[in-house]
Amino acid sequence: MKTHNKRHQKLLHHCLTKRKLSQDAFLVLTSLTDEEVCLWLSSSVGQVRKIVSTLGYLVEYQLHRSTRNNSRAIFELRAQLEKRLCLWSDAAGLQSIPENMNSSQLGLLMLAQYNKRLATLWSIRLGLDIPSTPLMTSSPYRLSNVVHQVLAPILVKSDAI
């Protein structure tokens, strides 16, 4: 727990002295609960980047499947993702996917649909902005289940703490 609080204090200090934060980002960063600090700051930036990218690949996979115009991209994304995650991404119920975004931006959009505070915190850690174009889903509950599949490794790790 001390490590997570220390990481939070360092992040807070860095952002307040060296970065320009939006009001939303400032409010999230300064109002984290002890549980959120423990859960959301327990992962390294590299782990956060991997999770956000994986979420983005799931969105890209659905985008290419819905347009059916780039089978090579689908094949490459299947190689990046586990088969079970490809199946889970089908269950997400994504309806409107913004184009011309990279996997990290799409991952942050998906994470923002799941939990805006977590997406905001992780966007700060990654030094990225959450795009303003929303990701539309037919079922927030189904999207939540998909995100849980990707977040499972850090959720299991935090239960052990």
C-alpha atoms as a PDB file:
ATOM      1  CA  MET A   1       0.000   0.000   0.000  1.00  0.00           C
ATOM      2  CA  LYS A   2       2.834   2.404   0.802  1.00  0.00           C
ATOM      3  CA  THR A   3       4.292   1.910  -2.676  1.00  0.00           C
ATOM      4  CA  HIS A   4       0.973   2.825  -4.296  1.00  0.00           C
ATOM      5  CA  ASN A   5       0.569   5.927  -2.143  1.00  0.00           C
ATOM      6  CA  LYS A   6       4.134   6.931  -2.956  1.00  0.00           C
ATOM      7  CA  ARG A   7       3.432   6.434  -6.681  1.00  0.00           C
ATOM      8  CA  HIS A   8       0.282   8.553  -6.328  1.00  0.00           C
ATOM      9  CA  GLN A   9       2.160  11.336  -4.549  1.00  0.00           C
ATOM     10  CA  LYS A  10       4.926  11.326  -7.176  1.00  0.00           C
ATOM     11  CA  LEU A  11       2.374  11.406 -10.008  1.00  0.00           C
ATOM     12  CA  LEU A  12       0.410  14.168  -8.322  1.00  0.00           C
ATOM     13  CA  HIS A  13       3.545  16.233  -7.705  1.00  0.00           C
ATOM     14  CA  HIS A  14       4.808  15.725 -11.270  1.00  0.00           C
ATOM     15  CA  CYS A  15       1.466  16.657 -12.820  1.00  0.00           C
ATOM     16  CA  LEU A  16       0.959  19.713 -10.650  1.00  0.00           C
ATOM     17  CA  THR A  17       4.450  21.091 -11.246  1.00  0.00           C
ATOM     18  CA  LYS A  18       5.289  20.054 -14.808  1.00  0.00           C
ATOM     19  CA  ARG A  19       2.032  19.467 -16.686  1.00  0.00           C
ATOM     20  CA  LYS A  20      -1.080  21.309 -17.615  1.00  0.00           C
ATOM     21  CA  LEU A  21      -4.095  19.291 -16.457  1.00  0.00           C
ATOM     22  CA  SER A  22      -7.715  19.710 -17.432  1.00  0.00           C
ATOM     23  CA  GLN A  23     -10.158  20.366 -14.622  1.00  0.00           C
ATOM     24  CA  ASP A  24     -11.516  16.795 -14.928  1.00  0.00           C
ATOM     25  CA  ALA A  25      -8.021  15.291 -14.781  1.00  0.00           C
ATOM     26  CA  PHE A  26      -7.138  17.451 -11.766  1.00  0.00           C
ATOM     27  CA  LEU A  27     -10.314  16.400  -9.942  1.00  0.00           C
ATOM     28  CA  VAL A  28      -9.689  12.713 -10.626  1.00  0.00           C
ATOM     29  CA  LEU A  29      -6.056  12.895  -9.585  1.00  0.00           C
ATOM     30  CA  THR A  30      -6.779  14.756  -6.353  1.00  0.00           C
ATOM     31  CA  SER A  31      -9.851  12.747  -5.318  1.00  0.00           C
ATOM     32  CA  LEU A  32      -8.644   9.155  -5.657  1.00  0.00           C
ATOM     33  CA  THR A  33      -9.741   6.883  -2.845  1.00  0.00           C
ATOM     34  CA  ASP A  34      -7.267   4.573  -1.120  1.00  0.00           C
ATOM     35  CA  GLU A  35      -8.863   1.619  -2.931  1.00  0.00           C
ATOM     36  CA  GLU A  36      -8.514   3.348  -6.326  1.00  0.00           C
ATOM     37  CA  VAL A  37      -4.887   4.227  -5.604  1.00  0.00           C
ATOM     38  CA  CYS A  38      -4.147   0.633  -4.647  1.00  0.00           C
ATOM     39  CA  LEU A  39      -5.988  -0.872  -7.611  1.00  0.00           C
ATOM     40  CA  TRP A  40      -5.238   1.595 -10.399  1.00  0.00           C
ATOM     41  CA  LEU A  41      -1.672   2.575  -9.541  1.00  0.00           C
ATOM     42  CA  SER A  42      -0.405  -0.919  -8.773  1.00  0.00           C
ATOM     43  CA  SER A  43       0.525  -1.515 -12.414  1.00  0.00           C
ATOM     44  CA  SER A  44       3.591  -0.093 -14.117  1.00  0.00           C
ATOM     45  CA  VAL A  45       3.220   2.315 -17.028  1.00  0.00           C
ATOM     46  CA  GLY A  46       4.286  -0.529 -19.331  1.00  0.00           C
ATOM     47  CA  GLN A  47       1.469  -2.740 -18.038  1.00  0.00           C
ATOM     48  CA  VAL A  48      -1.009   0.125 -18.392  1.00  0.00           C
ATOM     49  CA  ARG A  49       0.172   0.732 -21.968  1.00  0.00           C
ATOM     50  CA  LYS A  50      -0.264  -2.966 -22.787  1.00  0.00           C
ATOM     51  CA  ILE A  51      -3.788  -3.089 -21.338  1.00  0.00           C
ATOM     52  CA  VAL A  52      -4.877   0.093 -23.133  1.00  0.00           C
ATOM     53  CA  SER A  53      -3.381  -1.158 -26.409  1.00  0.00           C
ATOM     54  CA  THR A  54      -5.121  -4.524 -26.035  1.00  0.00           C
ATOM     55  CA  LEU A  55      -8.449  -2.754 -25.532  1.00  0.00           C
ATOM     56  CA  GLY A  56      -7.685  -0.694 -28.625  1.00  0.00           C
ATOM     57  CA  TYR A  57      -6.877  -3.818 -30.658  1.00  0.00           C
ATOM     58  CA  LEU A  58     -10.267  -5.232 -29.658  1.00  0.00           C
ATOM     59  CA  VAL A  59     -11.967  -2.101 -30.980  1.00  0.00           C
ATOM     60  CA  GLU A  60      -9.870  -2.158 -34.181  1.00  0.00           C
ATOM     61  CA  TYR A  61     -10.746  -5.825 -34.653  1.00  0.00           C
ATOM     62  CA  GLN A  62     -14.447  -4.996 -34.526  1.00  0.00           C
ATOM     63  CA  LEU A  63     -13.973  -2.008 -36.837  1.00  0.00           C
ATOM     64  CA  HIS A  64     -12.290  -4.149 -39.494  1.00  0.00           C
ATOM     65  CA  ARG A  65     -14.831  -6.930 -39.070  1.00  0.00           C
ATOM     66  CA  SER A  66     -17.735  -4.522 -39.531  1.00  0.00           C
ATOM     67  CA  THR A  67     -16.280  -2.915 -42.677  1.00  0.00           C
ATOM     68  CA  ARG A  68     -15.081  -6.267 -44.059  1.00  0.00           C
ATOM     69  CA  ASN A  69     -12.561  -4.492 -46.239  1.00  0.00           C
ATOM     70  CA  ASN A  70      -9.237  -5.401 -44.699  1.00  0.00           C
ATOM     71  CA  SER A  71      -8.790  -9.113 -44.082  1.00  0.00           C
ATOM     72  CA  ARG A  72      -5.033  -8.660 -43.611  1.00  0.00           C
ATOM     73  CA  ALA A  73      -5.623  -6.273 -40.704  1.00  0.00           C
ATOM     74  CA  ILE A  74      -8.044  -8.764 -39.153  1.00  0.00           C
ATOM     75  CA  PHE A  75      -5.454 -11.520 -39.484  1.00  0.00           C
ATOM     76  CA  GLU A  76      -2.764  -9.332 -37.880  1.00  0.00           C
ATOM     77  CA  LEU A  77      -5.069  -8.360 -35.011  1.00  0.00           C
ATOM     78  CA  ARG A  78      -5.983 -12.001 -34.406  1.00  0.00           C
ATOM     79  CA  ALA A  79      -2.259 -12.720 -34.147  1.00  0.00           C
ATOM     80  CA  GLN A  80      -1.925  -9.924 -31.546  1.00  0.00           C
ATOM     81  CA  LEU A  81      -4.927 -11.018 -29.483  1.00  0.00           C
ATOM     82  CA  GLU A  82      -5.774 -14.273 -27.803  1.00  0.00           C
ATOM     83  CA  LYS A  83      -8.598 -16.189 -29.470  1.00  0.00           C
ATOM     84  CA  ARG A  84     -10.806 -15.804 -26.400  1.00  0.00           C
ATOM     85  CA  LEU A  85     -10.379 -12.006 -26.514  1.00  0.00           C
ATOM     86  CA  CYS A  86     -11.430 -11.951 -30.174  1.00  0.00           C
ATOM     87  CA  LEU A  87     -14.564 -13.836 -29.158  1.00  0.00           C
ATOM     88  CA  TRP A  88     -15.154 -11.481 -26.249  1.00  0.00           C
ATOM     89  CA  SER A  89     -14.756  -8.463 -28.527  1.00  0.00           C
ATOM     90  CA  ASP A  90     -17.646  -9.811 -30.621  1.00  0.00           C
ATOM     91  CA  ALA A  91     -19.783  -9.626 -27.474  1.00  0.00           C
ATOM     92  CA  ALA A  92     -18.947  -5.974 -26.738  1.00  0.00           C
ATOM     93  CA  GLY A  93     -21.797  -4.666 -28.866  1.00  0.00           C
ATOM     94  CA  LEU A  94     -19.776  -1.825 -30.384  1.00  0.00           C
ATOM     95  CA  GLN A  95     -22.017   0.207 -32.697  1.00  0.00           C
ATOM     96  CA  SER A  96     -20.192   3.354 -33.682  1.00  0.00           C
ATOM     97  CA  ILE A  97     -16.402   3.219 -33.841  1.00  0.00           C
ATOM     98  CA  PRO A  98     -14.473   6.389 -34.674  1.00  0.00           C
ATOM     99  CA  GLU A  99     -11.918   5.948 -37.436  1.00  0.00           C
ATOM    100  CA  ASN A 100      -8.407   7.381 -37.829  1.00  0.00           C
ATOM    101  CA  MET A 101      -7.349   6.705 -34.257  1.00  0.00           C
ATOM    102  CA  ASN A 102      -4.485   4.579 -33.018  1.00  0.00           C
ATOM    103  CA  SER A 103      -4.934   1.594 -30.719  1.00  0.00           C
ATOM    104  CA  SER A 104      -4.091   3.585 -27.576  1.00  0.00           C
ATOM    105  CA  GLN A 105      -6.723   6.214 -28.333  1.00  0.00           C
ATOM    106  CA  LEU A 106      -9.332   3.544 -29.088  1.00  0.00           C
ATOM    107  CA  GLY A 107      -8.358   1.691 -25.913  1.00  0.00           C
ATOM    108  CA  LEU A 108      -8.803   4.832 -23.825  1.00  0.00           C
ATOM    109  CA  LEU A 109     -12.219   5.376 -25.422  1.00  0.00           C
ATOM    110  CA  MET A 110     -13.264   1.853 -24.513  1.00  0.00           C
ATOM    111  CA  LEU A 111     -11.897   2.258 -20.997  1.00  0.00           C
ATOM    112  CA  ALA A 112     -13.754   5.585 -20.652  1.00  0.00           C
ATOM    113  CA  GLN A 113     -17.025   3.818 -21.499  1.00  0.00           C
ATOM    114  CA  TYR A 114     -16.220   1.356 -18.709  1.00  0.00           C
ATOM    115  CA  ASN A 115     -14.874   3.784 -16.086  1.00  0.00           C
ATOM    116  CA  LYS A 116     -14.193   7.428 -16.898  1.00  0.00           C
ATOM    117  CA  ARG A 117     -12.064   8.011 -13.773  1.00  0.00           C
ATOM    118  CA  LEU A 118      -9.791   5.063 -14.544  1.00  0.00           C
ATOM    119  CA  ALA A 119      -9.463   6.163 -18.176  1.00  0.00           C
ATOM    120  CA  THR A 120      -8.604   9.684 -17.071  1.00  0.00           C
ATOM    121  CA  LEU A 121      -5.962   8.487 -14.600  1.00  0.00           C
ATOM    122  CA  TRP A 122      -4.371   6.120 -17.088  1.00  0.00           C
ATOM    123  CA  SER A 123      -4.418   8.770 -19.823  1.00  0.00           C
ATOM    124  CA  ILE A 124      -2.442  11.012 -17.435  1.00  0.00           C
ATOM    125  CA  ARG A 125       0.052   8.212 -16.761  1.00  0.00           C
ATOM    126  CA  LEU A 126       0.448   7.552 -20.490  1.00  0.00           C
ATOM    127  CA  GLY A 127       0.653  11.243 -21.381  1.00  0.00           C
ATOM    128  CA  LEU A 128      -2.283  10.918 -23.802  1.00  0.00           C
ATOM    129  CA  ASP A 129      -5.607  12.670 -24.132  1.00  0.00           C
ATOM    130  CA  ILE A 130      -8.857  10.744 -24.260  1.00  0.00           C
ATOM    131  CA  PRO A 131     -10.381  11.550 -27.655  1.00  0.00           C
ATOM    132  CA  SER A 132     -13.619  13.520 -27.520  1.00  0.00           C
ATOM    133  CA  THR A 133     -15.421  11.315 -30.060  1.00  0.00           C
ATOM    134  CA  PRO A 134     -17.422   8.753 -28.084  1.00  0.00           C
ATOM    135  CA  LEU A 135     -17.389   5.023 -28.603  1.00  0.00           C
ATOM    136  CA  MET A 136     -20.978   3.824 -28.875  1.00  0.00           C
ATOM    137  CA  THR A 137     -22.099   0.455 -27.545  1.00  0.00           C
ATOM    138  CA  SER A 138     -25.438  -1.326 -27.507  1.00  0.00           C
ATOM    139  CA  SER A 139     -24.849  -2.626 -24.000  1.00  0.00           C
ATOM    140  CA  PRO A 140     -22.631  -1.046 -21.342  1.00  0.00           C
ATOM    141  CA  TYR A 141     -22.969  -4.285 -19.376  1.00  0.00           C
ATOM    142  CA  ARG A 142     -21.529  -6.391 -22.215  1.00  0.00           C
ATOM    143  CA  LEU A 143     -18.743  -3.855 -22.781  1.00  0.00           C
ATOM    144  CA  SER A 144     -17.980  -4.025 -19.064  1.00  0.00           C
ATOM    145  CA  ASN A 145     -17.582  -7.807 -19.280  1.00  0.00           C
ATOM    146  CA  VAL A 146     -15.122  -7.434 -22.168  1.00  0.00           C
ATOM    147  CA  VAL A 147     -13.045  -4.848 -20.308  1.00  0.00           C
ATOM    148  CA  HIS A 148     -13.004  -7.126 -17.246  1.00  0.00           C
ATOM    149  CA  GLN A 149     -11.424  -9.854 -19.382  1.00  0.00           C
ATOM    150  CA  VAL A 150      -8.514  -7.542 -20.209  1.00  0.00           C
ATOM    151  CA  LEU A 151      -8.226  -6.076 -16.706  1.00  0.00           C
ATOM    152  CA  ALA A 152      -8.389  -9.505 -15.024  1.00  0.00           C
ATOM    153  CA  PRO A 153      -4.607  -9.830 -14.498  1.00  0.00           C
ATOM    154  CA  ILE A 154      -4.384  -6.631 -12.467  1.00  0.00           C
ATOM    155  CA  LEU A 155      -7.657  -7.301 -10.645  1.00  0.00           C
ATOM    156  CA  VAL A 156      -6.407 -10.728  -9.562  1.00  0.00           C
ATOM    157  CA  LYS A 157      -3.069  -9.243  -8.531  1.00  0.00           C
ATOM    158  CA  SER A 158      -4.786  -6.581  -6.421  1.00  0.00           C
ATOM    159  CA  ASP A 159      -6.911  -9.218  -4.647  1.00  0.00           C
ATOM    160  CA  ALA A 160      -3.679 -10.867  -3.512  1.00  0.00           C
ATOM    161  CA  ILE A 161      -2.386  -7.621  -1.993  1.00  0.00           C
END
